Each structure stands twice: as C-alpha cells, then as structure tokens.
C-alpha atoms as a PDB file:
ATOM      1  CA  MET A   1       0.000   0.000   0.000  1.00  0.00           C
ATOM      2  CA  LYS A   2       1.409   3.350  -1.042  1.00  0.00           C
ATOM      3  CA  ILE A   3       0.390   6.361   1.062  1.00  0.00           C
ATOM      4  CA  THR A   4       0.045   9.546  -0.996  1.00  0.00           C
ATOM      5  CA  ASN A   5       0.466  12.653   1.155  1.00  0.00           C
ATOM      6  CA  ILE A   6      -0.820  15.929  -0.267  1.00  0.00           C
ATOM      7  CA  GLU A   7      -0.266  19.333   1.350  1.00  0.00           C
ATOM      8  CA  ALA A   8      -2.620  21.964  -0.043  1.00  0.00           C
ATOM      9  CA  ARG A   9      -3.351  25.602   0.606  1.00  0.00           C
ATOM     10  CA  ASP A  10      -7.101  25.429  -0.047  1.00  0.00           C
ATOM     11  CA  LEU A  11      -9.843  23.141  -1.377  1.00  0.00           C
ATOM     12  CA  SER A  12      -9.213  24.047  -5.005  1.00  0.00           C
ATOM     13  CA  GLU A  13      -5.506  23.298  -4.817  1.00  0.00           C
ATOM     14  CA  ALA A  14      -6.245  20.042  -2.969  1.00  0.00           C
ATOM     15  CA  TRP A  15      -8.486  18.910  -5.826  1.00  0.00           C
ATOM     16  CA  PHE A  16      -5.958  19.778  -8.544  1.00  0.00           C
ATOM     17  CA  LEU A  17      -3.086  18.079  -6.676  1.00  0.00           C
ATOM     18  CA  ALA A  18      -5.198  14.978  -6.024  1.00  0.00           C
ATOM     19  CA  LEU A  19      -6.178  14.841  -9.715  1.00  0.00           C
ATOM     20  CA  LYS A  20      -2.522  15.061 -10.719  1.00  0.00           C
ATOM     21  CA  ALA A  21      -1.500  12.300  -8.302  1.00  0.00           C
ATOM     22  CA  THR A  22      -4.333   9.978  -9.286  1.00  0.00           C
ATOM     23  CA  ILE A  23      -3.806  10.347 -13.035  1.00  0.00           C
ATOM     24  CA  ALA A  24      -0.056   9.797 -12.630  1.00  0.00           C
ATOM     25  CA  GLU A  25       0.027   7.120  -9.929  1.00  0.00           C
ATOM     26  CA  GLY A  26      -3.470   5.663  -9.572  1.00  0.00           C
ATOM     27  CA  HIS A  27      -3.951   1.912  -9.698  1.00  0.00           C
ATOM     28  CA  GLU A  28      -6.133   1.073 -12.704  1.00  0.00           C
ATOM     29  CA  TYR A  29      -8.675  -1.719 -12.359  1.00  0.00           C
ATOM     30  CA  ARG A  30     -12.125  -2.879 -13.410  1.00  0.00           C
ATOM     31  CA  ILE A  31     -14.838  -2.454 -10.773  1.00  0.00           C
ATOM     32  CA  GLU A  32     -16.362  -5.783  -9.723  1.00  0.00           C
ATOM     33  CA  ARG A  33     -18.879  -4.407  -7.214  1.00  0.00           C
ATOM     34  CA  GLY A  34     -20.177  -0.919  -6.491  1.00  0.00           C
ATOM     35  CA  SER A  35     -20.947   2.188  -8.515  1.00  0.00           C
ATOM     36  CA  PHE A  36     -20.201   1.836 -12.256  1.00  0.00           C
ATOM     37  CA  ALA A  37     -19.565  -1.914 -11.895  1.00  0.00           C
ATOM     38  CA  GLY A  38     -17.863  -3.274 -15.005  1.00  0.00           C
ATOM     39  CA  GLN A  39     -16.116   0.008 -15.788  1.00  0.00           C
ATOM     40  CA  ARG A  40     -12.584   1.031 -14.924  1.00  0.00           C
ATOM     41  CA  ARG A  41     -11.208   3.548 -12.483  1.00  0.00           C
ATOM     42  CA  LYS A  42      -7.843   4.875 -11.338  1.00  0.00           C
ATOM     43  CA  GLU A  43      -7.435   4.871  -7.563  1.00  0.00           C
ATOM     44  CA  LEU A  44      -4.811   5.817  -5.001  1.00  0.00           C
ATOM     45  CA  ASP A  45      -3.994   3.131  -2.423  1.00  0.00           C
ATOM     46  CA  MET A  46      -4.331   5.566   0.465  1.00  0.00           C
ATOM     47  CA  ALA A  47      -4.604   9.343   0.265  1.00  0.00           C
ATOM     48  CA  VAL A  48      -3.981  11.754   3.141  1.00  0.00           C
ATOM     49  CA  ILE A  49      -4.773  15.348   2.185  1.00  0.00           C
ATOM     50  CA  HIS A  50      -3.887  18.178   4.559  1.00  0.00           C
ATOM     51  CA  ILE A  51      -5.726  21.391   3.667  1.00  0.00           C
ATOM     52  CA  LYS A  52      -4.434  24.350   5.671  1.00  0.00           C
ATOM     53  CA  HIS A  53      -6.908  27.073   4.656  1.00  0.00           C
ATOM     54  CA  PRO A  54     -10.071  25.274   3.488  1.00  0.00           C
ATOM     55  CA  GLY A  55     -12.223  28.356   4.041  1.00  0.00           C
ATOM     56  CA  THR A  56     -10.524  30.277   1.223  1.00  0.00           C
ATOM     57  CA  ARG A  57     -13.044  31.256  -1.435  1.00  0.00           C
ATOM     58  CA  PRO A  58     -14.060  30.013  -3.886  1.00  0.00           C
ATOM     59  CA  LEU A  59     -14.773  26.664  -2.230  1.00  0.00           C
ATOM     60  CA  VAL A  60     -15.196  24.893  -5.570  1.00  0.00           C
ATOM     61  CA  PRO A  61     -12.441  24.737  -8.199  1.00  0.00           C
ATOM     62  CA  ASP A  62     -12.237  26.792 -11.366  1.00  0.00           C
ATOM     63  CA  VAL A  63     -11.485  24.701 -14.439  1.00  0.00           C
ATOM     64  CA  PRO A  64     -10.126  25.658 -17.871  1.00  0.00           C
ATOM     65  CA  LEU A  65     -12.495  26.987 -20.515  1.00  0.00           C
ATOM     66  CA  GLY A  66     -14.306  24.135 -22.226  1.00  0.00           C
ATOM     67  CA  VAL A  67     -14.126  21.751 -19.264  1.00  0.00           C
ATOM     68  CA  PRO A  68     -17.452  21.270 -17.434  1.00  0.00           C
ATOM     69  CA  PRO A  69     -17.116  22.331 -13.792  1.00  0.00           C
ATOM     70  CA  PRO A  70     -17.127  19.395 -11.352  1.00  0.00           C
ATOM     71  CA  SER A  71     -19.344  21.345  -8.944  1.00  0.00           C
ATOM     72  CA  THR A  72     -20.918  24.736  -8.325  1.00  0.00           C
ATOM     73  CA  MET A  73     -21.831  26.642  -5.187  1.00  0.00           C
ATOM     74  CA  ASP A  74     -25.490  26.409  -6.185  1.00  0.00           C
ATOM     75  CA  TYR A  75     -25.163  22.621  -6.088  1.00  0.00           C
ATOM     76  CA  VAL A  76     -23.273  22.739  -2.787  1.00  0.00           C
ATOM     77  CA  GLU A  77     -26.051  24.811  -1.211  1.00  0.00           C
ATOM     78  CA  GLU A  78     -28.589  22.218  -2.375  1.00  0.00           C
ATOM     79  CA  TYR A  79     -26.354  19.411  -1.074  1.00  0.00           C
ATOM     80  CA  LEU A  80     -25.872  20.940   2.377  1.00  0.00           C
ATOM     81  CA  PRO A  81     -29.198  19.700   3.853  1.00  0.00           C
ATOM     82  CA  TYR A  82     -28.195  16.172   2.751  1.00  0.00           C
ATOM     83  CA  LEU A  83     -25.146  16.545   4.997  1.00  0.00           C
ATOM     84  CA  MET A  84     -26.736  18.288   7.969  1.00  0.00           C
ATOM     85  CA  THR A  85     -30.383  17.175   8.246  1.00  0.00           C
ATOM     86  CA  GLY A  86     -32.188  13.863   8.461  1.00  0.00           C
ATOM     87  CA  HIS A  87     -34.715  14.640   5.714  1.00  0.00           C
ATOM     88  CA  ARG A  88     -34.690  12.037   2.935  1.00  0.00           C
ATOM     89  CA  LYS A  89     -36.076  12.553  -0.546  1.00  0.00           C
ATOM     90  CA  GLU A  90     -38.105   9.829  -2.207  1.00  0.00           C
ATOM     91  CA  GLY A  91     -35.824   7.060  -3.458  1.00  0.00           C
ATOM     92  CA  GLU A  92     -32.887   7.897  -1.181  1.00  0.00           C
ATOM     93  CA  GLN A  93     -31.621   4.967   0.889  1.00  0.00           C
ATOM     94  CA  TYR A  94     -30.020   7.319   3.388  1.00  0.00           C
ATOM     95  CA  THR A  95     -28.575  10.781   3.852  1.00  0.00           C
ATOM     96  CA  TYR A  96     -25.430  11.672   5.749  1.00  0.00           C
ATOM     97  CA  GLY A  97     -27.613  14.039   7.740  1.00  0.00           C
ATOM     98  CA  GLN A  98     -29.763  11.230   9.153  1.00  0.00           C
ATOM     99  CA  TYR A  99     -26.634  10.071  10.983  1.00  0.00           C
ATOM    100  CA  LEU A 100     -25.037  13.471  11.610  1.00  0.00           C
ATOM    101  CA  GLU A 101     -27.876  15.835  12.528  1.00  0.00           C
ATOM    102  CA  LYS A 102     -28.145  14.855  16.204  1.00  0.00           C
ATOM    103  CA  GLN A 103     -24.392  14.333  16.531  1.00  0.00           C
ATOM    104  CA  ILE A 104     -23.664  17.861  15.294  1.00  0.00           C
ATOM    105  CA  ALA A 105     -25.827  19.276  18.062  1.00  0.00           C
ATOM    106  CA  GLU A 106     -24.256  16.937  20.624  1.00  0.00           C
ATOM    107  CA  VAL A 107     -20.687  17.849  19.667  1.00  0.00           C
ATOM    108  CA  ILE A 108     -21.502  21.554  19.995  1.00  0.00           C
ATOM    109  CA  LYS A 109     -23.107  20.882  23.383  1.00  0.00           C
ATOM    110  CA  MET A 110     -20.135  18.786  24.504  1.00  0.00           C
ATOM    111  CA  TYR A 111     -17.619  21.506  23.727  1.00  0.00           C
ATOM    112  CA  LYS A 112     -19.762  24.243  25.268  1.00  0.00           C
ATOM    113  CA  GLU A 113     -20.485  22.401  28.499  1.00  0.00           C
ATOM    114  CA  ASP A 114     -17.276  20.447  29.098  1.00  0.00           C
ATOM    115  CA  GLY A 115     -14.556  22.447  27.354  1.00  0.00           C
ATOM    116  CA  PHE A 116     -12.345  21.924  24.339  1.00  0.00           C
ATOM    117  CA  ASN A 117      -9.829  19.437  25.763  1.00  0.00           C
ATOM    118  CA  THR A 118     -11.512  16.189  24.738  1.00  0.00           C
ATOM    119  CA  ASN A 119     -11.063  13.427  22.153  1.00  0.00           C
ATOM    120  CA  GLN A 120     -14.717  12.349  22.275  1.00  0.00           C
ATOM    121  CA  ALA A 121     -16.203  14.864  19.806  1.00  0.00           C
ATOM    122  CA  PHE A 122     -16.336  12.308  16.992  1.00  0.00           C
ATOM    123  CA  MET A 123     -19.206  11.910  14.532  1.00  0.00           C
ATOM    124  CA  THR A 124     -19.816   8.651  12.706  1.00  0.00           C
ATOM    125  CA  VAL A 125     -21.794   7.916   9.546  1.00  0.00           C
ATOM    126  CA  GLY A 126     -23.536   4.598   9.059  1.00  0.00           C
ATOM    127  CA  ASN A 127     -24.444   1.667  11.274  1.00  0.00           C
ATOM    128  CA  PRO A 128     -23.886  -2.123  11.108  1.00  0.00           C
ATOM    129  CA  GLU A 129     -26.881  -2.487   8.799  1.00  0.00           C
ATOM    130  CA  ALA A 130     -25.368  -0.091   6.231  1.00  0.00           C
ATOM    131  CA  ILE A 131     -23.220  -2.870   4.786  1.00  0.00           C
ATOM    132  CA  TYR A 132     -26.373  -4.453   3.344  1.00  0.00           C
ATOM    133  CA  LEU A 133     -27.263  -1.342   1.332  1.00  0.00           C
ATOM    134  CA  THR A 134     -26.739  -1.358  -2.424  1.00  0.00           C
ATOM    135  CA  ASP A 135     -24.455   1.670  -2.002  1.00  0.00           C
ATOM    136  CA  PRO A 136     -23.331   2.099   1.634  1.00  0.00           C
ATOM    137  CA  PRO A 137     -22.310   5.584   2.773  1.00  0.00           C
ATOM    138  CA  CYS A 138     -18.987   6.767   1.388  1.00  0.00           C
ATOM    139  CA  LEU A 139     -18.326   9.322   4.133  1.00  0.00           C
ATOM    140  CA  ARG A 140     -17.793   7.365   7.357  1.00  0.00           C
ATOM    141  CA  GLN A 141     -16.468   9.829   9.915  1.00  0.00           C
ATOM    142  CA  ILE A 142     -16.033  13.466  10.786  1.00  0.00           C
ATOM    143  CA  ASP A 143     -13.709  13.768  13.754  1.00  0.00           C
ATOM    144  CA  THR A 144     -13.239  17.179  15.347  1.00  0.00           C
ATOM    145  CA  ARG A 145     -10.501  18.949  17.249  1.00  0.00           C
ATOM    146  CA  ILE A 146     -10.374  22.404  18.790  1.00  0.00           C
ATOM    147  CA  ARG A 147      -6.764  23.401  19.158  1.00  0.00           C
ATOM    148  CA  TYR A 148      -4.918  26.724  18.919  1.00  0.00           C
ATOM    149  CA  GLY A 149      -8.286  28.499  19.049  1.00  0.00           C
ATOM    150  CA  LYS A 150      -9.542  26.857  15.848  1.00  0.00           C
ATOM    151  CA  LEU A 151     -11.959  24.072  14.911  1.00  0.00           C
ATOM    152  CA  HIS A 152     -10.321  21.384  12.763  1.00  0.00           C
ATOM    153  CA  PHE A 153     -11.958  18.429  10.977  1.00  0.00           C
ATOM    154  CA  VAL A 154     -10.498  14.993  10.216  1.00  0.00           C
ATOM    155  CA  VAL A 155     -12.709  13.200   7.691  1.00  0.00           C
ATOM    156  CA  TYR A 156     -12.603   9.712   6.205  1.00  0.00           C
ATOM    157  CA  PHE A 157     -14.232   8.376   3.057  1.00  0.00           C
ATOM    158  CA  ARG A 158     -14.241   4.620   2.411  1.00  0.00           C
ATOM    159  CA  SER A 159     -14.700   5.395  -1.314  1.00  0.00           C
ATOM    160  CA  TRP A 160     -14.459   8.826  -2.911  1.00  0.00           C
ATOM    161  CA  ASP A 161     -15.224  10.024  -6.432  1.00  0.00           C
ATOM    162  CA  LEU A 162     -12.473  12.565  -6.982  1.00  0.00           C
ATOM    163  CA  TRP A 163     -13.904  14.269 -10.065  1.00  0.00           C
ATOM    164  CA  ALA A 164     -17.409  15.147  -8.909  1.00  0.00           C
ATOM    165  CA  GLY A 165     -17.734  14.015  -5.277  1.00  0.00           C
ATOM    166  CA  PHE A 166     -14.598  15.488  -3.727  1.00  0.00           C
ATOM    167  CA  PRO A 167     -15.245  19.189  -4.508  1.00  0.00           C
ATOM    168  CA  SER A 168     -18.929  19.081  -3.501  1.00  0.00           C
ATOM    169  CA  ASN A 169     -18.333  16.991  -0.376  1.00  0.00           C
ATOM    170  CA  LEU A 170     -15.491  19.111   0.969  1.00  0.00           C
ATOM    171  CA  ALA A 171     -17.182  22.431   0.192  1.00  0.00           C
ATOM    172  CA  ALA A 172     -20.265  21.322   2.153  1.00  0.00           C
ATOM    173  CA  ILE A 173     -18.155  19.890   4.984  1.00  0.00           C
ATOM    174  CA  GLN A 174     -16.294  23.202   5.156  1.00  0.00           C
ATOM    175  CA  LEU A 175     -19.593  25.087   5.468  1.00  0.00           C
ATOM    176  CA  LEU A 176     -20.597  22.708   8.270  1.00  0.00           C
ATOM    177  CA  LYS A 177     -17.285  23.400  10.005  1.00  0.00           C
ATOM    178  CA  GLU A 178     -17.802  27.154   9.707  1.00  0.00           C
ATOM    179  CA  TYR A 179     -21.298  26.823  11.194  1.00  0.00           C
ATOM    180  CA  MET A 180     -20.036  24.776  14.130  1.00  0.00           C
ATOM    181  CA  GLY A 181     -17.080  27.095  14.713  1.00  0.00           C
ATOM    182  CA  CYS A 182     -19.415  30.086  14.791  1.00  0.00           C
ATOM    183  CA  GLU A 183     -21.646  28.332  17.328  1.00  0.00           C
ATOM    184  CA  LEU A 184     -18.599  27.630  19.483  1.00  0.00           C
ATOM    185  CA  GLY A 185     -16.975  31.047  19.107  1.00  0.00           C
ATOM    186  CA  VAL A 186     -13.713  29.702  17.649  1.00  0.00           C
ATOM    187  CA  GLU A 187     -11.882  30.389  14.415  1.00  0.00           C
ATOM    188  CA  ASP A 188     -12.031  28.210  11.338  1.00  0.00           C
ATOM    189  CA  GLY A 189      -9.293  25.593  11.170  1.00  0.00           C
ATOM    190  CA  GLU A 190      -7.824  22.938   8.897  1.00  0.00           C
ATOM    191  CA  ILE A 191      -9.201  19.821   7.214  1.00  0.00           C
ATOM    192  CA  ILE A 192      -7.341  16.538   7.021  1.00  0.00           C
ATOM    193  CA  ALA A 193      -9.147  14.259   4.561  1.00  0.00           C
ATOM    194  CA  MET A 194      -8.306  10.578   4.165  1.00  0.00           C
ATOM    195  CA  SER A 195      -9.478   7.783   1.881  1.00  0.00           C
ATOM    196  CA  LYS A 196      -8.312   4.355   0.812  1.00  0.00           C
ATOM    197  CA  GLY A 197     -10.624   4.697  -2.201  1.00  0.00           C
ATOM    198  CA  LEU A 198      -9.950   8.094  -3.791  1.00  0.00           C
ATOM    199  CA  HIS A 199     -10.568   7.481  -7.473  1.00  0.00           C
ATOM    200  CA  ILE A 200     -11.404   8.817 -10.929  1.00  0.00           C
ATOM    201  CA  TYR A 201     -13.918   6.902 -13.016  1.00  0.00           C
ATOM    202  CA  GLU A 202     -12.980   6.145 -16.607  1.00  0.00           C
ATOM    203  CA  TYR A 203     -15.541   8.618 -17.995  1.00  0.00           C
ATOM    204  CA  ALA A 204     -13.634  11.459 -16.291  1.00  0.00           C
ATOM    205  CA  TRP A 205     -10.064  10.539 -17.270  1.00  0.00           C
ATOM    206  CA  ASP A 206     -10.032  12.806 -20.305  1.00  0.00           C
ATOM    207  CA  LEU A 207     -11.720  15.597 -18.339  1.00  0.00           C
ATOM    208  CA  ALA A 208      -9.049  15.317 -15.671  1.00  0.00           C
ATOM    209  CA  LYS A 209      -6.273  15.402 -18.276  1.00  0.00           C
ATOM    210  CA  ALA A 210      -7.850  18.430 -19.966  1.00  0.00           C
ATOM    211  CA  THR A 211      -8.047  20.166 -16.587  1.00  0.00           C
ATOM    212  CA  LEU A 212      -4.394  19.417 -15.911  1.00  0.00           C
ATOM    213  CA  ARG A 213      -3.450  20.108 -19.555  1.00  0.00           C
ATOM    214  CA  VAL A 214      -1.645  16.778 -19.908  1.00  0.00           C
ATOM    215  CA  ASP A 215      -1.881  14.046 -22.577  1.00  0.00           C
END
C-alpha cells in the first residue's frame, strides 16, 4: 500500500493536486462491485490530504475553458441539507444528515459544556446495517478537534469520487465546520481528509487530463 500525502493551501488546490497524483500514480482496475460496476477507475492506495486554509473562497475549483465544472456553489447549497439534516427525498436509501444531525448538536453541546480538551467529539456515519445497502455511505467519519483556538476536521471516506464528489463533499463539509465554529466562538481551522478509495472513473479521465493540460 502506497500512502500519498498531499499538502494543499485550499480546497481548489487540494483537488488539482489529487487529480494530478491519481492520473499519474493511480492503480487502474475494473470495478467488480459498487458504482459503475464493469467500468474502470484509477485509484490511489491511500490518500492523506492536509488542507491548511479550506475556508478560502471560492470553495469549488475553477477549471479551464471548455471543461465542465465538477461542482458549483449552487449545487453545494442544495447538497448541504443532505449533509446536515435527516430529511430524505423519495428514493434515497439514506442521507449523511440522518446520521449526523443529532451528533452535530451533541458535539456543539459537549464543547460548550465540558470544554475543548476532549477526544470524544467524533461523529460517525452509518451503522452495522449499512453494509447491506446497495451503495453504503462513502463518508464514514467526521472527527473534530479544537486546538490553537480553531476548529479542525479529520474526515474519512471509504470510497471517494475525486472528479465530482470530492469538490462538492469538501465544500459542504467546510460550510458545516464554519457553522459549528461560529456556534462555538472559535476560528475556522484545517481539514485533514483521508481515503483508501480516492478514485477517478474512466468517464472522467479525459476531463481530468484536460483540466491538468496533460496528454
């Protein structure tokens, strides 16, 4: 297993650097189970992405002219309730918010009532039954840390679509972090994002190359 460490200034740079690493070093294979089964993807063995200033705007990346944007802030705003509330639309097996909504409130309460020096302010996504879903949750944890007067997030995705999922997911997670930091009266901190399944589906290989301006 090769661990790919990426140090990035902001969310946009993190996405571009992760694209570059995955196109250059990603393990190529055919998917036997999961989304786009039967197609190919390039995937890093294990990615650890340290984003020092994730609140820098814009939260979604700008791409070269002619390349369709992987996300927009309009989409992120629509996606945010999926992350933060338990409401499910018809046909949805789950939302991240159904797991996180009560935990968000509890983490805020924990820090307010008991102080910042704790390792228990951890939020989990999924339950033992999730493994039986057709597509189990990709995001599995948001761990939190208040240190140096700032709220930091450590997030883990079991599987992570780099082209379209990564920019939308992290932009929404950043907005959640800003909301929680405001509630707690602390500054906005860093994001450390990890995944043993950060990948680019075959349909997006040429888009990624066009974005990076490589052949």
